[in-house]
PDB file of all heavy atoms in Angstrom:
ATOM      1  N   LEU A   1     -99.198 -86.314  33.988  1.00  0.00           N
ATOM      2  CA  LEU A   1     -97.974 -86.932  33.407  1.00  0.00           C
ATOM      3  C   LEU A   1     -96.869 -85.905  33.260  1.00  0.00           C
ATOM      4  O   LEU A   1     -95.672 -86.280  33.284  1.00  0.00           O
ATOM      5  CB  LEU A   1     -98.233 -87.627  32.032  1.00  0.00           C
ATOM      6  CG  LEU A   1     -99.107 -88.883  32.158  1.00  0.00           C
ATOM      7  CD1 LEU A   1     -99.572 -89.208  30.752  1.00  0.00           C
ATOM      8  CD2 LEU A   1     -98.236 -90.029  32.796  1.00  0.00           C
ATOM      9  N   THR A   2     -97.183 -84.639  33.056  1.00  0.00           N
ATOM     10  CA  THR A   2     -96.112 -83.607  32.884  1.00  0.00           C
ATOM     11  C   THR A   2     -95.914 -82.843  34.163  1.00  0.00           C
ATOM     12  O   THR A   2     -95.113 -81.890  34.140  1.00  0.00           O
ATOM     13  CB  THR A   2     -96.526 -82.692  31.736  1.00  0.00           C
ATOM     14  OG1 THR A   2     -97.818 -82.114  32.013  1.00  0.00           O
ATOM     15  CG2 THR A   2     -96.525 -83.454  30.431  1.00  0.00           C
ATOM     16  N   ASP A   3     -96.617 -83.132  35.212  1.00  0.00           N
ATOM     17  CA  ASP A   3     -96.476 -82.366  36.480  1.00  0.00           C
ATOM     18  C   ASP A   3     -95.216 -82.819  37.169  1.00  0.00           C
ATOM     19  O   ASP A   3     -94.888 -84.014  37.329  1.00  0.00           O
ATOM     20  CB  ASP A   3     -97.682 -82.668  37.416  1.00  0.00           C
ATOM     21  CG  ASP A   3     -97.788 -81.698  38.518  1.00  0.00           C
ATOM     22  OD1 ASP A   3     -96.765 -81.478  39.222  1.00  0.00           O
ATOM     23  OD2 ASP A   3     -98.909 -81.112  38.695  1.00  0.00           O
ATOM     24  N   PRO A   4     -94.369 -81.854  37.607  1.00  0.00           N
ATOM     25  CA  PRO A   4     -93.058 -82.168  38.254  1.00  0.00           C
ATOM     26  C   PRO A   4     -93.221 -82.660  39.688  1.00  0.00           C
ATOM     27  O   PRO A   4     -92.298 -83.028  40.289  1.00  0.00           O
ATOM     28  CB  PRO A   4     -92.304 -80.878  38.170  1.00  0.00           C
ATOM     29  CG  PRO A   4     -93.392 -79.791  38.202  1.00  0.00           C
ATOM     30  CD  PRO A   4     -94.515 -80.383  37.396  1.00  0.00           C
ATOM     31  N   ASP A   5     -94.414 -82.614  40.207  1.00  0.00           N
ATOM     32  CA  ASP A   5     -94.690 -83.027  41.587  1.00  0.00           C
ATOM     33  C   ASP A   5     -94.072 -84.456  41.816  1.00  0.00           C
ATOM     34  O   ASP A   5     -94.449 -85.412  41.056  1.00  0.00           O
ATOM     35  CB  ASP A   5     -96.097 -82.983  41.963  1.00  0.00           C
ATOM     36  CG  ASP A   5     -96.387 -83.474  43.378  1.00  0.00           C
ATOM     37  OD1 ASP A   5     -96.185 -82.664  44.313  1.00  0.00           O
ATOM     38  OD2 ASP A   5     -96.680 -84.629  43.549  1.00  0.00           O
ATOM     39  N   PRO A   6     -93.214 -84.654  42.844  1.00  0.00           N
ATOM     40  CA  PRO A   6     -92.613 -86.055  43.037  1.00  0.00           C
ATOM     41  C   PRO A   6     -93.620 -87.128  43.212  1.00  0.00           C
ATOM     42  O   PRO A   6     -93.401 -88.292  42.804  1.00  0.00           O
ATOM     43  CB  PRO A   6     -91.806 -85.818  44.304  1.00  0.00           C
ATOM     44  CG  PRO A   6     -91.531 -84.349  44.333  1.00  0.00           C
ATOM     45  CD  PRO A   6     -92.698 -83.691  43.800  1.00  0.00           C
ATOM     46  N   VAL A   7     -94.753 -86.789  43.856  1.00  0.00           N
ATOM     47  CA  VAL A   7     -95.774 -87.895  44.070  1.00  0.00           C
ATOM     48  C   VAL A   7     -96.382 -88.339  42.725  1.00  0.00           C
ATOM     49  O   VAL A   7     -96.477 -89.528  42.442  1.00  0.00           O
ATOM     50  CB  VAL A   7     -96.861 -87.375  45.020  1.00  0.00           C
ATOM     51  CG1 VAL A   7     -98.016 -88.393  45.116  1.00  0.00           C
ATOM     52  CG2 VAL A   7     -96.294 -87.085  46.418  1.00  0.00           C
ATOM     53  N   LEU A   8     -96.642 -87.368  41.853  1.00  0.00           N
ATOM     54  CA  LEU A   8     -97.187 -87.704  40.574  1.00  0.00           C
ATOM     55  C   LEU A   8     -96.131 -88.407  39.719  1.00  0.00           C
ATOM     56  O   LEU A   8     -96.465 -89.277  38.909  1.00  0.00           O
ATOM     57  CB  LEU A   8     -97.766 -86.485  39.837  1.00  0.00           C
ATOM     58  CG  LEU A   8     -99.117 -85.958  40.385  1.00  0.00           C
ATOM     59  CD1 LEU A   8     -99.466 -84.620  39.753  1.00  0.00           C
ATOM     60  CD2 LEU A   8    -100.209 -86.985  40.121  1.00  0.00           C
ATOM     61  N   ARG A   9     -94.912 -87.968  39.833  1.00  0.00           N
ATOM     62  CA  ARG A   9     -93.839 -88.590  39.020  1.00  0.00           C
ATOM     63  C   ARG A   9     -93.672 -90.039  39.370  1.00  0.00           C
ATOM     64  O   ARG A   9     -93.303 -90.895  38.542  1.00  0.00           O
ATOM     65  CB  ARG A   9     -92.489 -87.827  39.249  1.00  0.00           C
ATOM     66  CG  ARG A   9     -92.476 -86.447  38.764  1.00  0.00           C
ATOM     67  CD  ARG A   9     -92.491 -86.251  37.281  1.00  0.00           C
ATOM     68  NE  ARG A   9     -91.260 -86.855  36.681  1.00  0.00           N
ATOM     69  CZ  ARG A   9     -91.100 -87.118  35.381  1.00  0.00           C
ATOM     70  NH1 ARG A   9     -92.133 -86.860  34.559  1.00  0.00           N
ATOM     71  NH2 ARG A   9     -90.021 -87.670  34.912  1.00  0.00           N
ATOM     72  N   ALA A  10     -93.945 -90.382  40.616  1.00  0.00           N
ATOM     73  CA  ALA A  10     -93.790 -91.758  41.086  1.00  0.00           C
ATOM     74  C   ALA A  10     -95.080 -92.603  40.909  1.00  0.00           C
ATOM     75  O   ALA A  10     -95.046 -93.829  41.144  1.00  0.00           O
ATOM     76  CB  ALA A  10     -93.453 -91.777  42.603  1.00  0.00           C
ATOM     77  N   THR A  11     -96.144 -91.979  40.471  1.00  0.00           N
ATOM     78  CA  THR A  11     -97.378 -92.702  40.309  1.00  0.00           C
ATOM     79  C   THR A  11     -97.349 -93.472  38.975  1.00  0.00           C
ATOM     80  O   THR A  11     -96.977 -92.938  37.979  1.00  0.00           O
ATOM     81  CB  THR A  11     -98.567 -91.764  40.193  1.00  0.00           C
ATOM     82  OG1 THR A  11     -98.647 -91.009  41.442  1.00  0.00           O
ATOM     83  CG2 THR A  11     -99.900 -92.505  40.044  1.00  0.00           C
ATOM     84  N   PRO A  12     -97.613 -94.797  38.983  1.00  0.00           N
ATOM     85  CA  PRO A  12     -97.546 -95.555  37.739  1.00  0.00           C
ATOM     86  C   PRO A  12     -98.483 -95.006  36.679  1.00  0.00           C
ATOM     87  O   PRO A  12     -99.565 -94.444  37.029  1.00  0.00           O
ATOM     88  CB  PRO A  12     -98.028 -96.961  38.191  1.00  0.00           C
ATOM     89  CG  PRO A  12     -97.744 -97.021  39.637  1.00  0.00           C
ATOM     90  CD  PRO A  12     -97.932 -95.613  40.156  1.00  0.00           C
ATOM     91  N   ILE A  13     -98.089 -95.085  35.449  1.00  0.00           N
ATOM     92  CA  ILE A  13     -98.878 -94.577  34.340  1.00  0.00           C
ATOM     93  C   ILE A  13    -100.259 -95.127  34.338  1.00  0.00           C
ATOM     94  O   ILE A  13    -101.289 -94.416  34.092  1.00  0.00           O
ATOM     95  CB  ILE A  13     -98.110 -94.736  33.041  1.00  0.00           C
ATOM     96  CG1 ILE A  13     -96.898 -93.753  32.990  1.00  0.00           C
ATOM     97  CG2 ILE A  13     -99.046 -94.435  31.843  1.00  0.00           C
ATOM     98  CD1 ILE A  13     -96.071 -93.973  31.780  1.00  0.00           C
ATOM     99  N   HIS A  14    -100.353 -96.447  34.526  1.00  0.00           N
ATOM    100  CA  HIS A  14    -101.669 -97.107  34.477  1.00  0.00           C
ATOM    101  C   HIS A  14    -102.593 -96.577  35.532  1.00  0.00           C
ATOM    102  O   HIS A  14    -103.814 -96.464  35.415  1.00  0.00           O
ATOM    103  CB  HIS A  14    -101.544 -98.640  34.563  1.00  0.00           C
ATOM    104  CG  HIS A  14    -101.148 -99.087  35.872  1.00  0.00           C
ATOM    105  ND1 HIS A  14    -101.971 -99.283  36.941  1.00  0.00           N
ATOM    106  CD2 HIS A  14     -99.926 -99.498  36.346  1.00  0.00           C
ATOM    107  CE1 HIS A  14    -101.281 -99.781  38.042  1.00  0.00           C
ATOM    108  NE2 HIS A  14    -100.055 -99.810  37.629  1.00  0.00           N
ATOM    109  N   ALA A  15    -102.032 -96.147  36.732  1.00  0.00           N
ATOM    110  CA  ALA A  15    -102.820 -95.592  37.813  1.00  0.00           C
ATOM    111  C   ALA A  15    -103.350 -94.246  37.485  1.00  0.00           C
ATOM    112  O   ALA A  15    -104.468 -93.841  37.832  1.00  0.00           O
ATOM    113  CB  ALA A  15    -101.968 -95.580  39.133  1.00  0.00           C
ATOM    114  N   ILE A  16    -102.513 -93.447  36.782  1.00  0.00           N
ATOM    115  CA  ILE A  16    -102.992 -92.147  36.310  1.00  0.00           C
ATOM    116  C   ILE A  16    -104.145 -92.266  35.284  1.00  0.00           C
ATOM    117  O   ILE A  16    -105.169 -91.564  35.352  1.00  0.00           O
ATOM    118  CB  ILE A  16    -101.832 -91.350  35.653  1.00  0.00           C
ATOM    119  CG1 ILE A  16    -100.863 -90.863  36.761  1.00  0.00           C
ATOM    120  CG2 ILE A  16    -102.384 -90.162  34.890  1.00  0.00           C
ATOM    121  CD1 ILE A  16     -99.636 -90.123  36.294  1.00  0.00           C
ATOM    122  N   GLY A  17    -103.997 -93.255  34.397  1.00  0.00           N
ATOM    123  CA  GLY A  17    -105.095 -93.496  33.460  1.00  0.00           C
ATOM    124  C   GLY A  17    -106.360 -93.914  34.176  1.00  0.00           C
ATOM    125  O   GLY A  17    -107.462 -93.451  33.853  1.00  0.00           O
ATOM    126  N   ALA A  18    -106.210 -94.819  35.159  1.00  0.00           N
ATOM    127  CA  ALA A  18    -107.396 -95.278  35.927  1.00  0.00           C
ATOM    128  C   ALA A  18    -108.041 -94.125  36.691  1.00  0.00           C
ATOM    129  O   ALA A  18    -109.285 -94.050  36.822  1.00  0.00           O
ATOM    130  CB  ALA A  18    -107.011 -96.424  36.893  1.00  0.00           C
ATOM    131  N   ARG A  19    -107.217 -93.196  37.189  1.00  0.00           N
ATOM    132  CA  ARG A  19    -107.762 -92.092  37.989  1.00  0.00           C
ATOM    133  C   ARG A  19    -108.644 -91.234  37.128  1.00  0.00           C
ATOM    134  O   ARG A  19    -109.670 -90.646  37.609  1.00  0.00           O
ATOM    135  CB  ARG A  19    -106.560 -91.212  38.466  1.00  0.00           C
ATOM    136  CG  ARG A  19    -107.001 -89.887  39.097  1.00  0.00           C
ATOM    137  CD  ARG A  19    -105.761 -89.043  39.443  1.00  0.00           C
ATOM    138  NE  ARG A  19    -104.896 -89.734  40.415  1.00  0.00           N
ATOM    139  CZ  ARG A  19    -103.647 -89.282  40.742  1.00  0.00           C
ATOM    140  NH1 ARG A  19    -103.121 -88.298  40.103  1.00  0.00           N
ATOM    141  NH2 ARG A  19    -102.966 -89.986  41.656  1.00  0.00           N
ATOM    142  N   TRP A  20    -108.387 -91.144  35.826  1.00  0.00           N
ATOM    143  CA  TRP A  20    -109.185 -90.323  34.965  1.00  0.00           C
ATOM    144  C   TRP A  20    -110.109 -91.119  34.075  1.00  0.00           C
ATOM    145  O   TRP A  20    -110.461 -90.645  32.942  1.00  0.00           O
ATOM    146  CB  TRP A  20    -108.272 -89.438  34.122  1.00  0.00           C
ATOM    147  CG  TRP A  20    -107.535 -88.473  35.021  1.00  0.00           C
ATOM    148  CD1 TRP A  20    -106.206 -88.420  35.254  1.00  0.00           C
ATOM    149  CD2 TRP A  20    -108.097 -87.443  35.754  1.00  0.00           C
ATOM    150  NE1 TRP A  20    -105.928 -87.436  36.131  1.00  0.00           N
ATOM    151  CE2 TRP A  20    -107.107 -86.778  36.477  1.00  0.00           C
ATOM    152  CE3 TRP A  20    -109.404 -86.954  35.952  1.00  0.00           C
ATOM    153  CZ2 TRP A  20    -107.233 -85.704  37.352  1.00  0.00           C
ATOM    154  CZ3 TRP A  20    -109.611 -85.881  36.777  1.00  0.00           C
ATOM    155  CH2 TRP A  20    -108.558 -85.308  37.502  1.00  0.00           C
ATOM    156  N   GLY A  21    -110.498 -92.312  34.506  1.00  0.00           N
ATOM    157  CA  GLY A  21    -111.581 -93.034  33.789  1.00  0.00           C
ATOM    158  C   GLY A  21    -111.163 -94.035  32.767  1.00  0.00           C
ATOM    159  O   GLY A  21    -111.990 -94.503  31.984  1.00  0.00           O
ATOM    160  N   PHE A  22    -109.860 -94.388  32.689  1.00  0.00           N
ATOM    161  CA  PHE A  22    -109.327 -95.402  31.778  1.00  0.00           C
ATOM    162  C   PHE A  22    -108.892 -96.614  32.642  1.00  0.00           C
ATOM    163  O   PHE A  22    -107.635 -96.741  32.938  1.00  0.00           O
ATOM    164  CB  PHE A  22    -108.200 -94.916  30.932  1.00  0.00           C
ATOM    165  CG  PHE A  22    -108.565 -93.791  29.999  1.00  0.00           C
ATOM    166  CD1 PHE A  22    -108.421 -92.459  30.253  1.00  0.00           C
ATOM    167  CD2 PHE A  22    -109.154 -94.165  28.759  1.00  0.00           C
ATOM    168  CE1 PHE A  22    -108.768 -91.479  29.401  1.00  0.00           C
ATOM    169  CE2 PHE A  22    -109.497 -93.143  27.866  1.00  0.00           C
ATOM    170  CZ  PHE A  22    -109.313 -91.815  28.179  1.00  0.00           C
ATOM    171  N   PRO A  23    -109.748 -97.500  33.067  1.00  0.00           N
ATOM    172  CA  PRO A  23    -109.351 -98.629  33.888  1.00  0.00           C
ATOM    173  C   PRO A  23    -108.412 -99.634  33.239  1.00  0.00           C
ATOM    174  O   PRO A  23    -107.658-100.367  33.877  1.00  0.00           O
ATOM    175  CB  PRO A  23    -110.687 -99.324  34.255  1.00  0.00           C
ATOM    176  CG  PRO A  23    -111.623 -98.948  33.220  1.00  0.00           C
ATOM    177  CD  PRO A  23    -111.176 -97.594  32.746  1.00  0.00           C
ATOM    178  N   ARG A  24    -108.398 -99.731  31.870  1.00  0.00           N
ATOM    179  CA  ARG A  24    -107.517-100.586  31.188  1.00  0.00           C
ATOM    180  C   ARG A  24    -106.301 -99.865  30.554  1.00  0.00           C
ATOM    181  O   ARG A  24    -106.496 -98.864  29.765  1.00  0.00           O
ATOM    182  CB  ARG A  24    -108.288-101.377  30.069  1.00  0.00           C
ATOM    183  CG  ARG A  24    -109.339-102.300  30.676  1.00  0.00           C
ATOM    184  CD  ARG A  24    -110.160-103.029  29.565  1.00  0.00           C
ATOM    185  NE  ARG A  24    -111.087-102.101  28.940  1.00  0.00           N
ATOM    186  CZ  ARG A  24    -112.260-101.768  29.461  1.00  0.00           C
ATOM    187  NH1 ARG A  24    -112.635-102.277  30.632  1.00  0.00           N
ATOM    188  NH2 ARG A  24    -113.057-100.904  28.853  1.00  0.00           N
ATOM    189  N   ALA A  25    -105.146-100.271  30.889  1.00  0.00           N
ATOM    190  CA  ALA A  25    -103.933 -99.595  30.509  1.00  0.00           C
ATOM    191  C   ALA A  25    -103.768 -99.475  29.037  1.00  0.00           C
ATOM    192  O   ALA A  25    -103.418 -98.460  28.396  1.00  0.00           O
ATOM    193  CB  ALA A  25    -102.685-100.238  31.098  1.00  0.00           C
ATOM    194  N   ALA A  26    -104.108-100.577  28.288  1.00  0.00           N
ATOM    195  CA  ALA A  26    -103.966-100.583  26.851  1.00  0.00           C
ATOM    196  C   ALA A  26    -104.904 -99.556  26.177  1.00  0.00           C
ATOM    197  O   ALA A  26    -104.515 -98.894  25.265  1.00  0.00           O
ATOM    198  CB  ALA A  26    -104.264-101.954  26.299  1.00  0.00           C
ATOM    199  N   GLU A  27    -106.093 -99.478  26.668  1.00  0.00           N
ATOM    200  CA  GLU A  27    -107.075 -98.482  26.151  1.00  0.00           C
ATOM    201  C   GLU A  27    -106.573 -97.111  26.383  1.00  0.00           C
ATOM    202  O   GLU A  27    -106.681 -96.205  25.505  1.00  0.00           O
ATOM    203  CB  GLU A  27    -108.441 -98.721  26.806  1.00  0.00           C
ATOM    204  CG  GLU A  27    -109.492 -97.693  26.379  1.00  0.00           C
ATOM    205  CD  GLU A  27    -110.776 -97.824  27.180  1.00  0.00           C
ATOM    206  OE1 GLU A  27    -110.866 -98.760  27.999  1.00  0.00           O
ATOM    207  OE2 GLU A  27    -111.602 -96.939  27.041  1.00  0.00           O
ATOM    208  N   PHE A  28    -106.046 -96.842  27.561  1.00  0.00           N
ATOM    209  CA  PHE A  28    -105.512 -95.488  27.889  1.00  0.00           C
ATOM    210  C   PHE A  28    -104.400 -95.146  26.954  1.00  0.00           C
ATOM    211  O   PHE A  28    -104.360 -94.091  26.397  1.00  0.00           O
ATOM    212  CB  PHE A  28    -105.070 -95.479  29.358  1.00  0.00           C
ATOM    213  CG  PHE A  28    -104.334 -94.210  29.735  1.00  0.00           C
ATOM    214  CD1 PHE A  28    -104.873 -92.943  29.455  1.00  0.00           C
ATOM    215  CD2 PHE A  28    -103.116 -94.253  30.364  1.00  0.00           C
ATOM    216  CE1 PHE A  28    -104.237 -91.827  29.820  1.00  0.00           C
ATOM    217  CE2 PHE A  28    -102.473 -93.081  30.775  1.00  0.00           C
ATOM    218  CZ  PHE A  28    -103.012 -91.891  30.462  1.00  0.00           C
ATOM    219  N   SER A  29    -103.489 -96.065  26.783  1.00  0.00           N
ATOM    220  CA  SER A  29    -102.278 -95.838  25.908  1.00  0.00           C
ATOM    221  C   SER A  29    -102.760 -95.484  24.495  1.00  0.00           C
ATOM    222  O   SER A  29    -102.165 -94.535  23.836  1.00  0.00           O
ATOM    223  CB  SER A  29    -101.370 -96.990  25.967  1.00  0.00           C
ATOM    224  OG  SER A  29    -100.210 -96.746  25.189  1.00  0.00           O
ATOM    225  N   ARG A  30    -103.690 -96.284  23.923  1.00  0.00           N
ATOM    226  CA  ARG A  30    -104.130 -96.055  22.556  1.00  0.00           C
ATOM    227  C   ARG A  30    -104.790 -94.681  22.424  1.00  0.00           C
ATOM    228  O   ARG A  30    -104.525 -93.948  21.469  1.00  0.00           O
ATOM    229  CB  ARG A  30    -105.113 -97.177  22.187  1.00  0.00           C
ATOM    230  CG  ARG A  30    -104.440 -98.467  21.815  1.00  0.00           C
ATOM    231  CD  ARG A  30    -105.483 -99.357  21.024  1.00  0.00           C
ATOM    232  NE  ARG A  30    -106.698 -99.635  21.790  1.00  0.00           N
ATOM    233  CZ  ARG A  30    -106.838-100.594  22.645  1.00  0.00           C
ATOM    234  NH1 ARG A  30    -105.840-101.457  22.870  1.00  0.00           N
ATOM    235  NH2 ARG A  30    -107.962-100.745  23.273  1.00  0.00           N
TER     236      ARG A  30
END
């Protein structure tokens, strides 16, 4: 989320959460 890489900046937050084992966005956010 803090990486300046353009690809990561364009990746949806819920996709980043899923990439690291949080398939549900609400659970990741909490």
